[in-house]
Amino acid sequence: MKLLGALLLALSALCMTRSASAQMYDPRYPVCMHAYGSLIGDRMDCIFASLDQCQAAAMGLPATCLINPYYAPRSVRPYR
């Protein structure tokens, strides 16, 4: 009986968990800030237009500014 209860408990815990979602880099911005630490958690914020802007926001935080590897610049259409 204890085995059945443990099995049901494990099965219900498994059904209640969500699948992990991968963090996405925002391809609209060329610079990301990787913030880490026990107080702010571990996250990647891709909301910066320049390294200077990112470094100003990261000042005083346990963070690093990185070039966004998924940045896709908009293509400029020629004027007709």
C-alpha atoms as a PDB file:
ATOM      1  CA  MET A   1       0.000   0.000   0.000  1.00  0.00           C
ATOM      2  CA  LYS A   2       2.871   2.391   0.771  1.00  0.00           C
ATOM      3  CA  LEU A   3       4.385   1.628  -2.630  1.00  0.00           C
ATOM      4  CA  LEU A   4       1.119   2.488  -4.362  1.00  0.00           C
ATOM      5  CA  GLY A   5       0.866   5.773  -2.440  1.00  0.00           C
ATOM      6  CA  ALA A   6       4.451   6.695  -3.292  1.00  0.00           C
ATOM      7  CA  LEU A   7       3.842   5.840  -6.940  1.00  0.00           C
ATOM      8  CA  LEU A   8       0.697   7.988  -7.074  1.00  0.00           C
ATOM      9  CA  LEU A   9       2.517  10.855  -5.372  1.00  0.00           C
ATOM     10  CA  ALA A  10       5.406  10.671  -7.847  1.00  0.00           C
ATOM     11  CA  LEU A  11       3.017  10.476 -10.791  1.00  0.00           C
ATOM     12  CA  SER A  12       0.991  13.488  -9.624  1.00  0.00           C
ATOM     13  CA  ALA A  13       4.194  15.511  -9.080  1.00  0.00           C
ATOM     14  CA  LEU A  14       5.337  14.602 -12.583  1.00  0.00           C
ATOM     15  CA  CYS A  15       2.029  15.689 -14.106  1.00  0.00           C
ATOM     16  CA  MET A  16       2.072  19.039 -12.302  1.00  0.00           C
ATOM     17  CA  THR A  17       5.486  20.124 -13.552  1.00  0.00           C
ATOM     18  CA  ARG A  18       5.836  22.315 -16.618  1.00  0.00           C
ATOM     19  CA  SER A  19       8.283  21.717 -19.378  1.00  0.00           C
ATOM     20  CA  ALA A  20      11.300  23.993 -19.300  1.00  0.00           C
ATOM     21  CA  SER A  21      11.301  26.776 -21.837  1.00  0.00           C
ATOM     22  CA  ALA A  22      14.514  27.994 -23.373  1.00  0.00           C
ATOM     23  CA  GLN A  23      15.388  31.635 -22.963  1.00  0.00           C
ATOM     24  CA  MET A  24      15.219  33.497 -26.245  1.00  0.00           C
ATOM     25  CA  TYR A  25      17.499  36.270 -27.395  1.00  0.00           C
ATOM     26  CA  ASP A  26      15.547  39.169 -28.878  1.00  0.00           C
ATOM     27  CA  PRO A  27      16.828  39.479 -32.478  1.00  0.00           C
ATOM     28  CA  ARG A  28      15.776  43.170 -32.672  1.00  0.00           C
ATOM     29  CA  TYR A  29      18.581  44.427 -30.403  1.00  0.00           C
ATOM     30  CA  PRO A  30      22.338  44.020 -30.986  1.00  0.00           C
ATOM     31  CA  VAL A  31      23.454  43.973 -27.322  1.00  0.00           C
ATOM     32  CA  CYS A  32      22.423  41.785 -24.376  1.00  0.00           C
ATOM     33  CA  MET A  33      23.101  42.050 -20.667  1.00  0.00           C
ATOM     34  CA  HIS A  34      23.703  38.799 -18.803  1.00  0.00           C
ATOM     35  CA  ALA A  35      22.729  39.471 -15.191  1.00  0.00           C
ATOM     36  CA  TYR A  36      23.503  36.884 -12.542  1.00  0.00           C
ATOM     37  CA  GLY A  37      23.561  36.562  -8.780  1.00  0.00           C
ATOM     38  CA  SER A  38      21.565  35.168  -5.913  1.00  0.00           C
ATOM     39  CA  LEU A  39      19.500  38.346  -5.448  1.00  0.00           C
ATOM     40  CA  ILE A  40      18.533  39.020  -9.072  1.00  0.00           C
ATOM     41  CA  GLY A  41      18.707  35.533 -10.533  1.00  0.00           C
ATOM     42  CA  ASP A  42      20.273  34.503 -13.814  1.00  0.00           C
ATOM     43  CA  ARG A  43      18.779  36.177 -16.865  1.00  0.00           C
ATOM     44  CA  MET A  44      19.617  37.564 -20.284  1.00  0.00           C
ATOM     45  CA  ASP A  45      18.126  40.952 -21.213  1.00  0.00           C
ATOM     46  CA  CYS A  46      18.461  41.753 -24.920  1.00  0.00           C
ATOM     47  CA  ILE A  47      17.061  45.278 -24.942  1.00  0.00           C
ATOM     48  CA  PHE A  48      20.079  47.483 -25.649  1.00  0.00           C
ATOM     49  CA  ALA A  49      21.029  49.372 -28.798  1.00  0.00           C
ATOM     50  CA  SER A  50      24.708  49.840 -27.884  1.00  0.00           C
ATOM     51  CA  LEU A  51      27.416  48.515 -25.575  1.00  0.00           C
ATOM     52  CA  ASP A  52      27.621  51.913 -23.848  1.00  0.00           C
ATOM     53  CA  GLN A  53      23.900  51.825 -23.057  1.00  0.00           C
ATOM     54  CA  CYS A  54      24.210  48.294 -21.665  1.00  0.00           C
ATOM     55  CA  GLN A  55      27.282  49.116 -19.582  1.00  0.00           C
ATOM     56  CA  ALA A  56      25.510  52.121 -18.061  1.00  0.00           C
ATOM     57  CA  ALA A  57      22.568  49.906 -17.058  1.00  0.00           C
ATOM     58  CA  ALA A  58      24.867  47.173 -15.716  1.00  0.00           C
ATOM     59  CA  MET A  59      26.886  49.535 -13.516  1.00  0.00           C
ATOM     60  CA  GLY A  60      26.821  48.308  -9.932  1.00  0.00           C
ATOM     61  CA  LEU A  61      25.183  44.994 -10.837  1.00  0.00           C
ATOM     62  CA  PRO A  62      26.742  41.564 -11.218  1.00  0.00           C
ATOM     63  CA  ALA A  63      26.284  41.653 -14.991  1.00  0.00           C
ATOM     64  CA  THR A  64      28.147  41.407 -18.293  1.00  0.00           C
ATOM     65  CA  CYS A  65      27.315  43.020 -21.629  1.00  0.00           C
ATOM     66  CA  LEU A  66      27.494  40.774 -24.690  1.00  0.00           C
ATOM     67  CA  ILE A  67      26.942  41.064 -28.424  1.00  0.00           C
ATOM     68  CA  ASN A  68      23.651  39.368 -29.337  1.00  0.00           C
ATOM     69  CA  PRO A  69      24.519  36.356 -31.537  1.00  0.00           C
ATOM     70  CA  TYR A  70      20.975  36.313 -32.955  1.00  0.00           C
ATOM     71  CA  TYR A  71      20.775  39.993 -33.903  1.00  0.00           C
ATOM     72  CA  ALA A  72      19.166  40.396 -37.328  1.00  0.00           C
ATOM     73  CA  PRO A  73      19.499  43.958 -38.640  1.00  0.00           C
ATOM     74  CA  ARG A  74      16.638  45.244 -40.710  1.00  0.00           C
ATOM     75  CA  SER A  75      17.328  45.329 -44.384  1.00  0.00           C
ATOM     76  CA  VAL A  76      17.001  48.755 -45.940  1.00  0.00           C
ATOM     77  CA  ARG A  77      14.893  48.871 -49.089  1.00  0.00           C
ATOM     78  CA  PRO A  78      16.163  51.093 -51.866  1.00  0.00           C
ATOM     79  CA  TYR A  79      14.036  54.163 -52.502  1.00  0.00           C
ATOM     80  CA  ARG A  80      12.096  54.052 -55.771  1.00  0.00           C
END
